Amino acid sequence: MPDRATYLANTYSVLVTSVTEAVDNAAFVVVAVKPGDVESVLGELARAAAGAEKDSPEQVYVTVAAGITINHVESKLPAGTPVIRAMRTRRRWWARASPHWPRAFRHRSTAR
């Protein structure tokens, strides 16, 4: 395990795992990386999501990466994957959801 991952696991009591294991077991996958790292991370997530077991729960992907649109994230992930983009303006946080969001939770809602 890299030194930074060990530090985060020990300091914050978080589970450090591979992308494949995280996608197999997570209901929400949060993409919180610098914009320059989004392409490689989305590629790795897409490979893991495509190889996920059919009985694993559907994941909702949440991105907080600056300047990355929902359409861009959706284009990299398997078709129909629900995506939420959370953004911060000067005064508040707000979220925008993809059209696949209601299907994941069987109702419609977005926050602002």
PDB file of N, CA and C in Angstrom:
ATOM      1  N   MET A   1       0.858  -1.177   0.000  1.00  0.00           N
ATOM      2  CA  MET A   1       0.000   0.000   0.000  1.00  0.00           C
ATOM      3  C   MET A   1       0.904   1.239   0.000  1.00  0.00           C
ATOM      4  N   PRO A   2       0.609   2.217  -0.868  1.00  0.00           N
ATOM      5  CA  PRO A   2       1.411   3.443  -0.893  1.00  0.00           C
ATOM      6  C   PRO A   2       1.380   4.164   0.455  1.00  0.00           C
ATOM      7  N   ASP A   3       2.422   4.938   0.725  1.00  0.00           N
ATOM      8  CA  ASP A   3       2.537   5.646   2.002  1.00  0.00           C
ATOM      9  C   ASP A   3       1.341   6.548   2.280  1.00  0.00           C
ATOM     10  N   ARG A   4       0.874   7.268   1.273  1.00  0.00           N
ATOM     11  CA  ARG A   4      -0.260   8.185   1.459  1.00  0.00           C
ATOM     12  C   ARG A   4      -1.523   7.413   1.836  1.00  0.00           C
ATOM     13  N   ALA A   5      -1.764   6.285   1.188  1.00  0.00           N
ATOM     14  CA  ALA A   5      -2.937   5.462   1.497  1.00  0.00           C
ATOM     15  C   ALA A   5      -2.859   4.929   2.925  1.00  0.00           C
ATOM     16  N   THR A   6      -1.685   4.503   3.343  1.00  0.00           N
ATOM     17  CA  THR A   6      -1.498   4.024   4.712  1.00  0.00           C
ATOM     18  C   THR A   6      -1.767   5.144   5.706  1.00  0.00           C
ATOM     19  N   TYR A   7      -1.251   6.329   5.424  1.00  0.00           N
ATOM     20  CA  TYR A   7      -1.473   7.484   6.294  1.00  0.00           C
ATOM     21  C   TYR A   7      -2.968   7.789   6.430  1.00  0.00           C
ATOM     22  N   LEU A   8      -3.682   7.851   5.295  1.00  0.00           N
ATOM     23  CA  LEU A   8      -5.115   8.149   5.332  1.00  0.00           C
ATOM     24  C   LEU A   8      -5.894   7.077   6.086  1.00  0.00           C
ATOM     25  N   ALA A   9      -5.567   5.816   5.864  1.00  0.00           N
ATOM     26  CA  ALA A   9      -6.253   4.712   6.546  1.00  0.00           C
ATOM     27  C   ALA A   9      -6.035   4.792   8.050  1.00  0.00           C
ATOM     28  N   ASN A  10      -4.820   5.060   8.469  1.00  0.00           N
ATOM     29  CA  ASN A  10      -4.511   5.110   9.903  1.00  0.00           C
ATOM     30  C   ASN A  10      -5.037   6.373  10.570  1.00  0.00           C
ATOM     31  N   THR A  11      -4.944   7.502   9.902  1.00  0.00           N
ATOM     32  CA  THR A  11      -5.345   8.773  10.488  1.00  0.00           C
ATOM     33  C   THR A  11      -6.858   8.929  10.572  1.00  0.00           C
ATOM     34  N   TYR A  12      -7.557   8.540   9.514  1.00  0.00           N
ATOM     35  CA  TYR A  12      -8.998   8.790   9.434  1.00  0.00           C
ATOM     36  C   TYR A  12      -9.859   7.528   9.548  1.00  0.00           C
ATOM     37  N   SER A  13      -9.244   6.414   9.810  1.00  0.00           N
ATOM     38  CA  SER A  13      -9.965   5.136   9.944  1.00  0.00           C
ATOM     39  C   SER A  13     -10.852   4.854   8.739  1.00  0.00           C
ATOM     40  N   VAL A  14     -10.283   5.021   7.550  1.00  0.00           N
ATOM     41  CA  VAL A  14     -11.017   4.742   6.320  1.00  0.00           C
ATOM     42  C   VAL A  14     -10.472   3.462   5.686  1.00  0.00           C
ATOM     43  N   LEU A  15     -11.319   2.819   4.908  1.00  0.00           N
ATOM     44  CA  LEU A  15     -10.915   1.620   4.206  1.00  0.00           C
ATOM     45  C   LEU A  15     -10.237   2.016   2.904  1.00  0.00           C
ATOM     46  N   VAL A  16      -9.048   1.522   2.686  1.00  0.00           N
ATOM     47  CA  VAL A  16      -8.330   1.761   1.444  1.00  0.00           C
ATOM     48  C   VAL A  16      -8.386   0.461   0.652  1.00  0.00           C
ATOM     49  N   THR A  17      -8.904   0.533  -0.560  1.00  0.00           N
ATOM     50  CA  THR A  17      -9.111  -0.661  -1.364  1.00  0.00           C
ATOM     51  C   THR A  17      -8.846  -0.353  -2.829  1.00  0.00           C
ATOM     52  N   SER A  18      -8.911  -1.366  -3.657  1.00  0.00           N
ATOM     53  CA  SER A  18      -8.715  -1.167  -5.092  1.00  0.00           C
ATOM     54  C   SER A  18      -9.988  -0.584  -5.702  1.00  0.00           C
ATOM     55  N   VAL A  19      -9.853  -0.010  -6.887  1.00  0.00           N
ATOM     56  CA  VAL A  19     -11.013   0.552  -7.578  1.00  0.00           C
ATOM     57  C   VAL A  19     -12.027  -0.552  -7.870  1.00  0.00           C
ATOM     58  N   THR A  20     -11.564  -1.711  -8.294  1.00  0.00           N
ATOM     59  CA  THR A  20     -12.471  -2.813  -8.608  1.00  0.00           C
ATOM     60  C   THR A  20     -13.278  -3.243  -7.389  1.00  0.00           C
ATOM     61  N   GLU A  21     -12.627  -3.397  -6.248  1.00  0.00           N
ATOM     62  CA  GLU A  21     -13.340  -3.777  -5.029  1.00  0.00           C
ATOM     63  C   GLU A  21     -14.317  -2.694  -4.599  1.00  0.00           C
ATOM     64  N   ALA A  22     -13.930  -1.447  -4.743  1.00  0.00           N
ATOM     65  CA  ALA A  22     -14.812  -0.345  -4.354  1.00  0.00           C
ATOM     66  C   ALA A  22     -16.062  -0.318  -5.227  1.00  0.00           C
ATOM     67  N   VAL A  23     -15.904  -0.487  -6.534  1.00  0.00           N
ATOM     68  CA  VAL A  23     -17.053  -0.462  -7.439  1.00  0.00           C
ATOM     69  C   VAL A  23     -17.950  -1.673  -7.194  1.00  0.00           C
ATOM     70  N   ASP A  24     -17.370  -2.821  -6.884  1.00  0.00           N
ATOM     71  CA  ASP A  24     -18.170  -4.014  -6.604  1.00  0.00           C
ATOM     72  C   ASP A  24     -19.022  -3.865  -5.351  1.00  0.00           C
ATOM     73  N   ASN A  25     -18.557  -3.079  -4.376  1.00  0.00           N
ATOM     74  CA  ASN A  25     -19.215  -3.040  -3.072  1.00  0.00           C
ATOM     75  C   ASN A  25     -19.880  -1.724  -2.702  1.00  0.00           C
ATOM     76  N   ALA A  26     -19.706  -0.684  -3.484  1.00  0.00           N
ATOM     77  CA  ALA A  26     -20.213   0.640  -3.102  1.00  0.00           C
ATOM     78  C   ALA A  26     -21.538   0.959  -3.774  1.00  0.00           C
ATOM     79  N   ALA A  27     -22.424   1.625  -3.035  1.00  0.00           N
ATOM     80  CA  ALA A  27     -23.669   2.129  -3.620  1.00  0.00           C
ATOM     81  C   ALA A  27     -23.409   3.474  -4.303  1.00  0.00           C
ATOM     82  N   PHE A  28     -22.519   4.276  -3.727  1.00  0.00           N
ATOM     83  CA  PHE A  28     -22.134   5.570  -4.289  1.00  0.00           C
ATOM     84  C   PHE A  28     -20.633   5.565  -4.531  1.00  0.00           C
ATOM     85  N   VAL A  29     -20.231   5.981  -5.717  1.00  0.00           N
ATOM     86  CA  VAL A  29     -18.818   6.109  -6.055  1.00  0.00           C
ATOM     87  C   VAL A  29     -18.562   7.594  -6.263  1.00  0.00           C
ATOM     88  N   VAL A  30     -17.709   8.172  -5.431  1.00  0.00           N
ATOM     89  CA  VAL A  30     -17.433   9.607  -5.491  1.00  0.00           C
ATOM     90  C   VAL A  30     -16.125   9.830  -6.236  1.00  0.00           C
ATOM     91  N   VAL A  31     -16.193  10.638  -7.289  1.00  0.00           N
ATOM     92  CA  VAL A  31     -15.014  10.998  -8.073  1.00  0.00           C
ATOM     93  C   VAL A  31     -14.592  12.383  -7.609  1.00  0.00           C
ATOM     94  N   ALA A  32     -13.582  12.417  -6.760  1.00  0.00           N
ATOM     95  CA  ALA A  32     -13.105  13.676  -6.182  1.00  0.00           C
ATOM     96  C   ALA A  32     -11.610  13.790  -6.451  1.00  0.00           C
ATOM     97  N   VAL A  33     -11.288  14.052  -7.706  1.00  0.00           N
ATOM     98  CA  VAL A  33      -9.894  14.171  -8.124  1.00  0.00           C
ATOM     99  C   VAL A  33      -9.703  15.480  -8.877  1.00  0.00           C
ATOM    100  N   LYS A  34      -8.462  15.833  -9.091  1.00  0.00           N
ATOM    101  CA  LYS A  34      -8.165  17.033  -9.867  1.00  0.00           C
ATOM    102  C   LYS A  34      -8.597  16.810 -11.315  1.00  0.00           C
ATOM    103  N   PRO A  35      -9.026  17.867 -12.007  1.00  0.00           N
ATOM    104  CA  PRO A  35      -9.501  17.717 -13.384  1.00  0.00           C
ATOM    105  C   PRO A  35      -8.522  16.986 -14.304  1.00  0.00           C
ATOM    106  N   GLY A  36      -7.249  17.170 -14.102  1.00  0.00           N
ATOM    107  CA  GLY A  36      -6.251  16.501 -14.930  1.00  0.00           C
ATOM    108  C   GLY A  36      -6.198  14.995 -14.735  1.00  0.00           C
ATOM    109  N   ASP A  37      -6.726  14.504 -13.608  1.00  0.00           N
ATOM    110  CA  ASP A  37      -6.706  13.070 -13.309  1.00  0.00           C
ATOM    111  C   ASP A  37      -8.019  12.370 -13.648  1.00  0.00           C
ATOM    112  N   VAL A  38      -9.026  13.134 -14.063  1.00  0.00           N
ATOM    113  CA  VAL A  38     -10.357  12.572 -14.293  1.00  0.00           C
ATOM    114  C   VAL A  38     -10.341  11.485 -15.365  1.00  0.00           C
ATOM    115  N   GLU A  39      -9.663  11.714 -16.478  1.00  0.00           N
ATOM    116  CA  GLU A  39      -9.681  10.748 -17.577  1.00  0.00           C
ATOM    117  C   GLU A  39      -9.177   9.379 -17.145  1.00  0.00           C
ATOM    118  N   SER A  40      -8.042   9.336 -16.462  1.00  0.00           N
ATOM    119  CA  SER A  40      -7.500   8.039 -16.052  1.00  0.00           C
ATOM    120  C   SER A  40      -8.385   7.371 -15.010  1.00  0.00           C
ATOM    121  N   VAL A  41      -8.933   8.151 -14.090  1.00  0.00           N
ATOM    122  CA  VAL A  41      -9.808   7.594 -13.056  1.00  0.00           C
ATOM    123  C   VAL A  41     -11.101   7.071 -13.673  1.00  0.00           C
ATOM    124  N   LEU A  42     -11.714   7.835 -14.580  1.00  0.00           N
ATOM    125  CA  LEU A  42     -12.945   7.379 -15.228  1.00  0.00           C
ATOM    126  C   LEU A  42     -12.699   6.120 -16.062  1.00  0.00           C
ATOM    127  N   GLY A  43     -11.549   6.037 -16.712  1.00  0.00           N
ATOM    128  CA  GLY A  43     -11.213   4.835 -17.466  1.00  0.00           C
ATOM    129  C   GLY A  43     -11.129   3.614 -16.569  1.00  0.00           C
ATOM    130  N   GLU A  44     -10.491   3.781 -15.428  1.00  0.00           N
ATOM    131  CA  GLU A  44     -10.368   2.684 -14.467  1.00  0.00           C
ATOM    132  C   GLU A  44     -11.735   2.315 -13.884  1.00  0.00           C
ATOM    133  N   LEU A  45     -12.555   3.328 -13.569  1.00  0.00           N
ATOM    134  CA  LEU A  45     -13.899   3.070 -13.061  1.00  0.00           C
ATOM    135  C   LEU A  45     -14.769   2.371 -14.099  1.00  0.00           C
ATOM    136  N   ALA A  46     -14.667   2.787 -15.356  1.00  0.00           N
ATOM    137  CA  ALA A  46     -15.460   2.173 -16.426  1.00  0.00           C
ATOM    138  C   ALA A  46     -15.101   0.706 -16.595  1.00  0.00           C
ATOM    139  N   ARG A  47     -13.811   0.385 -16.560  1.00  0.00           N
ATOM    140  CA  ARG A  47     -13.388  -1.014 -16.669  1.00  0.00           C
ATOM    141  C   ARG A  47     -13.917  -1.830 -15.495  1.00  0.00           C
ATOM    142  N   ALA A  48     -13.851  -1.260 -14.299  1.00  0.00           N
ATOM    143  CA  ALA A  48     -14.334  -1.966 -13.108  1.00  0.00           C
ATOM    144  C   ALA A  48     -15.849  -2.140 -13.158  1.00  0.00           C
ATOM    145  N   ALA A  49     -16.578  -1.102 -13.599  1.00  0.00           N
ATOM    146  CA  ALA A  49     -18.042  -1.177 -13.671  1.00  0.00           C
ATOM    147  C   ALA A  49     -18.477  -2.188 -14.724  1.00  0.00           C
ATOM    148  N   ALA A  50     -17.778  -2.239 -15.849  1.00  0.00           N
ATOM    149  CA  ALA A  50     -18.124  -3.184 -16.907  1.00  0.00           C
ATOM    150  C   ALA A  50     -17.889  -4.621 -16.455  1.00  0.00           C
ATOM    151  N   GLY A  51     -16.885  -4.818 -15.617  1.00  0.00           N
ATOM    152  CA  GLY A  51     -16.574  -6.160 -15.129  1.00  0.00           C
ATOM    153  C   GLY A  51     -17.264  -6.517 -13.829  1.00  0.00           C
ATOM    154  N   ALA A  52     -18.069  -5.610 -13.283  1.00  0.00           N
ATOM    155  CA  ALA A  52     -18.747  -5.871 -12.009  1.00  0.00           C
ATOM    156  C   ALA A  52     -19.730  -7.020 -12.166  1.00  0.00           C
ATOM    157  N   GLU A  53     -19.913  -7.737 -11.100  1.00  0.00           N
ATOM    158  CA  GLU A  53     -20.845  -8.859 -11.112  1.00  0.00           C
ATOM    159  C   GLU A  53     -22.259  -8.365 -11.336  1.00  0.00           C
ATOM    160  N   LYS A  54     -23.044  -9.169 -12.022  1.00  0.00           N
ATOM    161  CA  LYS A  54     -24.425  -8.784 -12.344  1.00  0.00           C
ATOM    162  C   LYS A  54     -25.285  -8.625 -11.096  1.00  0.00           C
ATOM    163  N   ASP A  55     -24.964  -9.343 -10.015  1.00  0.00           N
ATOM    164  CA  ASP A  55     -25.776  -9.245  -8.801  1.00  0.00           C
ATOM    165  C   ASP A  55     -25.328  -8.130  -7.862  1.00  0.00           C
ATOM    166  N   SER A  56     -24.272  -7.380  -8.241  1.00  0.00           N
ATOM    167  CA  SER A  56     -23.836  -6.269  -7.393  1.00  0.00           C
ATOM    168  C   SER A  56     -24.829  -5.110  -7.543  1.00  0.00           C
ATOM    169  N   PRO A  57     -25.012  -4.314  -6.487  1.00  0.00           N
ATOM    170  CA  PRO A  57     -25.999  -3.226  -6.559  1.00  0.00           C
ATOM    171  C   PRO A  57     -25.594  -2.164  -7.573  1.00  0.00           C
ATOM    172  N   GLU A  58     -26.596  -1.483  -8.117  1.00  0.00           N
ATOM    173  CA  GLU A  58     -26.318  -0.403  -9.057  1.00  0.00           C
ATOM    174  C   GLU A  58     -25.656   0.752  -8.321  1.00  0.00           C
ATOM    175  N   GLN A  59     -24.598   1.270  -8.890  1.00  0.00           N
ATOM    176  CA  GLN A  59     -23.890   2.387  -8.276  1.00  0.00           C
ATOM    177  C   GLN A  59     -24.372   3.702  -8.853  1.00  0.00           C
ATOM    178  N   VAL A  60     -24.343   4.714  -8.014  1.00  0.00           N
ATOM    179  CA  VAL A  60     -24.562   6.087  -8.445  1.00  0.00           C
ATOM    180  C   VAL A  60     -23.203   6.765  -8.356  1.00  0.00           C
ATOM    181  N   TYR A  61     -22.795   7.407  -9.428  1.00  0.00           N
ATOM    182  CA  TYR A  61     -21.510   8.083  -9.468  1.00  0.00           C
ATOM    183  C   TYR A  61     -21.717   9.560  -9.167  1.00  0.00           C
ATOM    184  N   VAL A  62     -20.939  10.082  -8.233  1.00  0.00           N
ATOM    185  CA  VAL A  62     -21.009  11.485  -7.837  1.00  0.00           C
ATOM    186  C   VAL A  62     -19.661  12.109  -8.170  1.00  0.00           C
ATOM    187  N   THR A  63     -19.679  13.186  -8.944  1.00  0.00           N
ATOM    188  CA  THR A  63     -18.431  13.864  -9.267  1.00  0.00           C
ATOM    189  C   THR A  63     -18.418  15.260  -8.662  1.00  0.00           C
ATOM    190  N   VAL A  64     -17.292  15.610  -8.088  1.00  0.00           N
ATOM    191  CA  VAL A  64     -17.078  16.967  -7.581  1.00  0.00           C
ATOM    192  C   VAL A  64     -15.885  17.604  -8.295  1.00  0.00           C
ATOM    193  N   ALA A  65     -15.418  16.950  -9.358  1.00  0.00           N
ATOM    194  CA  ALA A  65     -14.274  17.461 -10.118  1.00  0.00           C
ATOM    195  C   ALA A  65     -14.682  18.720 -10.879  1.00  0.00           C
ATOM    196  N   ALA A  66     -13.898  19.755 -10.750  1.00  0.00           N
ATOM    197  CA  ALA A  66     -14.199  21.039 -11.381  1.00  0.00           C
ATOM    198  C   ALA A  66     -14.159  20.932 -12.898  1.00  0.00           C
ATOM    199  N   GLY A  67     -15.179  21.526 -13.540  1.00  0.00           N
ATOM    200  CA  GLY A  67     -15.196  21.627 -14.986  1.00  0.00           C
ATOM    201  C   GLY A  67     -15.546  20.353 -15.730  1.00  0.00           C
ATOM    202  N   ILE A  68     -15.939  19.318 -15.045  1.00  0.00           N
ATOM    203  CA  ILE A  68     -16.281  18.049 -15.682  1.00  0.00           C
ATOM    204  C   ILE A  68     -17.800  17.912 -15.719  1.00  0.00           C
ATOM    205  N   THR A  69     -18.374  17.804 -16.901  1.00  0.00           N
ATOM    206  CA  THR A  69     -19.824  17.778 -17.036  1.00  0.00           C
ATOM    207  C   THR A  69     -20.380  16.373 -16.815  1.00  0.00           C
ATOM    208  N   ILE A  70     -21.684  16.325 -16.543  1.00  0.00           N
ATOM    209  CA  ILE A  70     -22.367  15.036 -16.407  1.00  0.00           C
ATOM    210  C   ILE A  70     -22.249  14.252 -17.708  1.00  0.00           C
ATOM    211  N   ASN A  71     -22.443  14.917 -18.831  1.00  0.00           N
ATOM    212  CA  ASN A  71     -22.365  14.241 -20.129  1.00  0.00           C
ATOM    213  C   ASN A  71     -21.000  13.586 -20.346  1.00  0.00           C
ATOM    214  N   HIS A  72     -19.952  14.250 -19.924  1.00  0.00           N
ATOM    215  CA  HIS A  72     -18.616  13.696 -20.087  1.00  0.00           C
ATOM    216  C   HIS A  72     -18.457  12.435 -19.237  1.00  0.00           C
ATOM    217  N   VAL A  73     -18.900  12.493 -17.995  1.00  0.00           N
ATOM    218  CA  VAL A  73     -18.791  11.328 -17.106  1.00  0.00           C
ATOM    219  C   VAL A  73     -19.630  10.183 -17.660  1.00  0.00           C
ATOM    220  N   GLU A  74     -20.864  10.486 -18.084  1.00  0.00           N
ATOM    221  CA  GLU A  74     -21.738   9.450 -18.635  1.00  0.00           C
ATOM    222  C   GLU A  74     -21.141   8.795 -19.872  1.00  0.00           C
ATOM    223  N   SER A  75     -20.439   9.573 -20.685  1.00  0.00           N
ATOM    224  CA  SER A  75     -19.861   9.020 -21.914  1.00  0.00           C
ATOM    225  C   SER A  75     -18.747   8.015 -21.624  1.00  0.00           C
ATOM    226  N   LYS A  76     -18.165   8.073 -20.458  1.00  0.00           N
ATOM    227  CA  LYS A  76     -17.064   7.172 -20.099  1.00  0.00           C
ATOM    228  C   LYS A  76     -17.539   5.925 -19.369  1.00  0.00           C
ATOM    229  N   LEU A  77     -18.726   5.975 -18.765  1.00  0.00           N
ATOM    230  CA  LEU A  77     -19.242   4.861 -17.967  1.00  0.00           C
ATOM    231  C   LEU A  77     -20.230   4.033 -18.778  1.00  0.00           C
ATOM    232  N   PRO A  78     -20.558   2.820 -18.304  1.00  0.00           N
ATOM    233  CA  PRO A  78     -21.554   2.006 -19.019  1.00  0.00           C
ATOM    234  C   PRO A  78     -22.865   2.762 -19.192  1.00  0.00           C
ATOM    235  N   ALA A  79     -23.563   2.502 -20.304  1.00  0.00           N
ATOM    236  CA  ALA A  79     -24.819   3.190 -20.622  1.00  0.00           C
ATOM    237  C   ALA A  79     -25.824   3.041 -19.490  1.00  0.00           C
ATOM    238  N   GLY A  80     -26.506   4.144 -19.179  1.00  0.00           N
ATOM    239  CA  GLY A  80     -27.549   4.130 -18.163  1.00  0.00           C
ATOM    240  C   GLY A  80     -27.063   4.311 -16.737  1.00  0.00           C
ATOM    241  N   THR A  81     -25.774   4.557 -16.557  1.00  0.00           N
ATOM    242  CA  THR A  81     -25.239   4.741 -15.204  1.00  0.00           C
ATOM    243  C   THR A  81     -25.681   6.089 -14.651  1.00  0.00           C
ATOM    244  N   PRO A  82     -26.308   6.119 -13.448  1.00  0.00           N
ATOM    245  CA  PRO A  82     -26.716   7.395 -12.863  1.00  0.00           C
ATOM    246  C   PRO A  82     -25.505   8.214 -12.402  1.00  0.00           C
ATOM    247  N   VAL A  83     -25.519   9.506 -12.724  1.00  0.00           N
ATOM    248  CA  VAL A  83     -24.418  10.401 -12.374  1.00  0.00           C
ATOM    249  C   VAL A  83     -24.983  11.658 -11.732  1.00  0.00           C
ATOM    250  N   ILE A  84     -24.337  12.112 -10.671  1.00  0.00           N
ATOM    251  CA  ILE A  84     -24.679  13.379 -10.015  1.00  0.00           C
ATOM    252  C   ILE A  84     -23.430  14.236 -10.028  1.00  0.00           C
ATOM    253  N   ARG A  85     -23.595  15.499 -10.348  1.00  0.00           N
ATOM    254  CA  ARG A  85     -22.474  16.442 -10.296  1.00  0.00           C
ATOM    255  C   ARG A  85     -22.756  17.443  -9.190  1.00  0.00           C
ATOM    256  N   ALA A  86     -21.916  17.465  -8.183  1.00  0.00           N
ATOM    257  CA  ALA A  86     -22.047  18.412  -7.080  1.00  0.00           C
ATOM    258  C   ALA A  86     -21.061  19.547  -7.300  1.00  0.00           C
ATOM    259  N   MET A  87     -21.555  20.761  -7.157  1.00  0.00           N
ATOM    260  CA  MET A  87     -20.713  21.933  -7.415  1.00  0.00           C
ATOM    261  C   MET A  87     -20.855  22.943  -6.291  1.00  0.00           C
ATOM    262  N   ARG A  88     -19.855  23.738  -6.131  1.00  0.00           N
ATOM    263  CA  ARG A  88     -19.857  24.781  -5.109  1.00  0.00           C
ATOM    264  C   ARG A  88     -19.794  26.129  -5.798  1.00  0.00           C
ATOM    265  N   THR A  89     -20.752  26.986  -5.480  1.00  0.00           N
ATOM    266  CA  THR A  89     -20.664  28.371  -5.925  1.00  0.00           C
ATOM    267  C   THR A  89     -20.139  29.164  -4.746  1.00  0.00           C
ATOM    268  N   ARG A  90     -20.083  30.450  -4.861  1.00  0.00           N
ATOM    269  CA  ARG A  90     -19.545  31.248  -3.760  1.00  0.00           C
ATOM    270  C   ARG A  90     -20.360  31.136  -2.484  1.00  0.00           C
ATOM    271  N   ARG A  91     -21.660  30.931  -2.632  1.00  0.00           N
ATOM    272  CA  ARG A  91     -22.515  30.944  -1.451  1.00  0.00           C
ATOM    273  C   ARG A  91     -23.062  29.590  -1.045  1.00  0.00           C
ATOM    274  N   ARG A  92     -23.144  28.636  -1.973  1.00  0.00           N
ATOM    275  CA  ARG A  92     -23.786  27.370  -1.610  1.00  0.00           C
ATOM    276  C   ARG A  92     -23.343  26.220  -2.505  1.00  0.00           C
ATOM    277  N   TRP A  93     -23.659  25.010  -2.038  1.00  0.00           N
ATOM    278  CA  TRP A  93     -23.462  23.797  -2.818  1.00  0.00           C
ATOM    279  C   TRP A  93     -24.745  23.508  -3.571  1.00  0.00           C
ATOM    280  N   TRP A  94     -24.641  22.936  -4.733  1.00  0.00           N
ATOM    281  CA  TRP A  94     -25.819  22.489  -5.455  1.00  0.00           C
ATOM    282  C   TRP A  94     -25.452  21.276  -6.284  1.00  0.00           C
ATOM    283  N   ALA A  95     -26.464  20.535  -6.695  1.00  0.00           N
ATOM    284  CA  ALA A  95     -26.225  19.297  -7.435  1.00  0.00           C
ATOM    285  C   ALA A  95     -27.085  19.260  -8.681  1.00  0.00           C
ATOM    286  N   ARG A  96     -26.584  18.601  -9.690  1.00  0.00           N
ATOM    287  CA  ARG A  96     -27.336  18.365 -10.917  1.00  0.00           C
ATOM    288  C   ARG A  96     -27.253  16.865 -11.187  1.00  0.00           C
ATOM    289  N   ALA A  97     -28.389  16.259 -11.522  1.00  0.00           N
ATOM    290  CA  ALA A  97     -28.436  14.811 -11.725  1.00  0.00           C
ATOM    291  C   ALA A  97     -28.667  14.475 -13.189  1.00  0.00           C
ATOM    292  N   SER A  98     -28.174  13.320 -13.586  1.00  0.00           N
ATOM    293  CA  SER A  98     -28.398  12.830 -14.946  1.00  0.00           C
ATOM    294  C   SER A  98     -29.811  12.283 -15.067  1.00  0.00           C
ATOM    295  N   PRO A  99     -30.297  12.065 -16.283  1.00  0.00           N
ATOM    296  CA  PRO A  99     -31.645  11.520 -16.465  1.00  0.00           C
ATOM    297  C   PRO A  99     -31.801  10.120 -15.879  1.00  0.00           C
ATOM    298  N   HIS A 100     -30.699   9.428 -15.612  1.00  0.00           N
ATOM    299  CA  HIS A 100     -30.772   8.065 -15.083  1.00  0.00           C
ATOM    300  C   HIS A 100     -30.936   8.044 -13.569  1.00  0.00           C
ATOM    301  N   TRP A 101     -30.845   9.168 -12.930  1.00  0.00           N
ATOM    302  CA  TRP A 101     -30.961   9.265 -11.474  1.00  0.00           C
ATOM    303  C   TRP A 101     -32.304   8.750 -10.963  1.00  0.00           C
ATOM    304  N   PRO A 102     -33.459   9.151 -11.527  1.00  0.00           N
ATOM    305  CA  PRO A 102     -34.740   8.658 -10.985  1.00  0.00           C
ATOM    306  C   PRO A 102     -34.868   7.143 -11.044  1.00  0.00           C
ATOM    307  N   ARG A 103     -34.333   6.527 -12.080  1.00  0.00           N
ATOM    308  CA  ARG A 103     -34.414   5.077 -12.206  1.00  0.00           C
ATOM    309  C   ARG A 103     -33.674   4.383 -11.070  1.00  0.00           C
ATOM    310  N   ALA A 104     -32.569   4.972 -10.629  1.00  0.00           N
ATOM    311  CA  ALA A 104     -31.776   4.350  -9.574  1.00  0.00           C
ATOM    312  C   ALA A 104     -32.516   4.359  -8.240  1.00  0.00           C
ATOM    313  N   PHE A 105     -33.329   5.374  -8.000  1.00  0.00           N
ATOM    314  CA  PHE A 105     -34.001   5.501  -6.710  1.00  0.00           C
ATOM    315  C   PHE A 105     -35.515   5.451  -6.805  1.00  0.00           C
ATOM    316  N   ARG A 106     -36.035   5.210  -8.017  1.00  0.00           N
ATOM    317  CA  ARG A 106     -37.461   5.080  -8.263  1.00  0.00           C
ATOM    318  C   ARG A 106     -38.266   6.343  -7.932  1.00  0.00           C
ATOM    319  N   HIS A 107     -37.626   7.476  -7.940  1.00  0.00           N
ATOM    320  CA  HIS A 107     -38.321   8.755  -7.816  1.00  0.00           C
ATOM    321  C   HIS A 107     -37.413   9.861  -8.309  1.00  0.00           C
ATOM    322  N   ARG A 108     -37.967  11.031  -8.507  1.00  0.00           N
ATOM    323  CA  ARG A 108     -37.190  12.162  -9.037  1.00  0.00           C
ATOM    324  C   ARG A 108     -36.872  13.145  -7.924  1.00  0.00           C
ATOM    325  N   SER A 109     -35.636  13.585  -7.905  1.00  0.00           N
ATOM    326  CA  SER A 109     -35.270  14.653  -6.980  1.00  0.00           C
ATOM    327  C   SER A 109     -33.892  15.169  -7.320  1.00  0.00           C
ATOM    328  N   THR A 110     -33.727  16.454  -7.174  1.00  0.00           N
ATOM    329  CA  THR A 110     -32.403  17.073  -7.235  1.00  0.00           C
ATOM    330  C   THR A 110     -32.385  18.140  -6.161  1.00  0.00           C
ATOM    331  N   ALA A 111     -31.198  18.474  -5.711  1.00  0.00           N
ATOM    332  CA  ALA A 111     -31.071  19.467  -4.641  1.00  0.00           C
ATOM    333  C   ALA A 111     -30.420  20.715  -5.177  1.00  0.00           C
ATOM    334  N   ARG A 112     -30.757  21.790  -4.584  1.00  0.00           N
ATOM    335  CA  ARG A 112     -30.083  23.037  -4.959  1.00  0.00           C
ATOM    336  C   ARG A 112     -29.832  23.850  -3.730  1.00  0.00           C
TER     337      ARG A 112
END
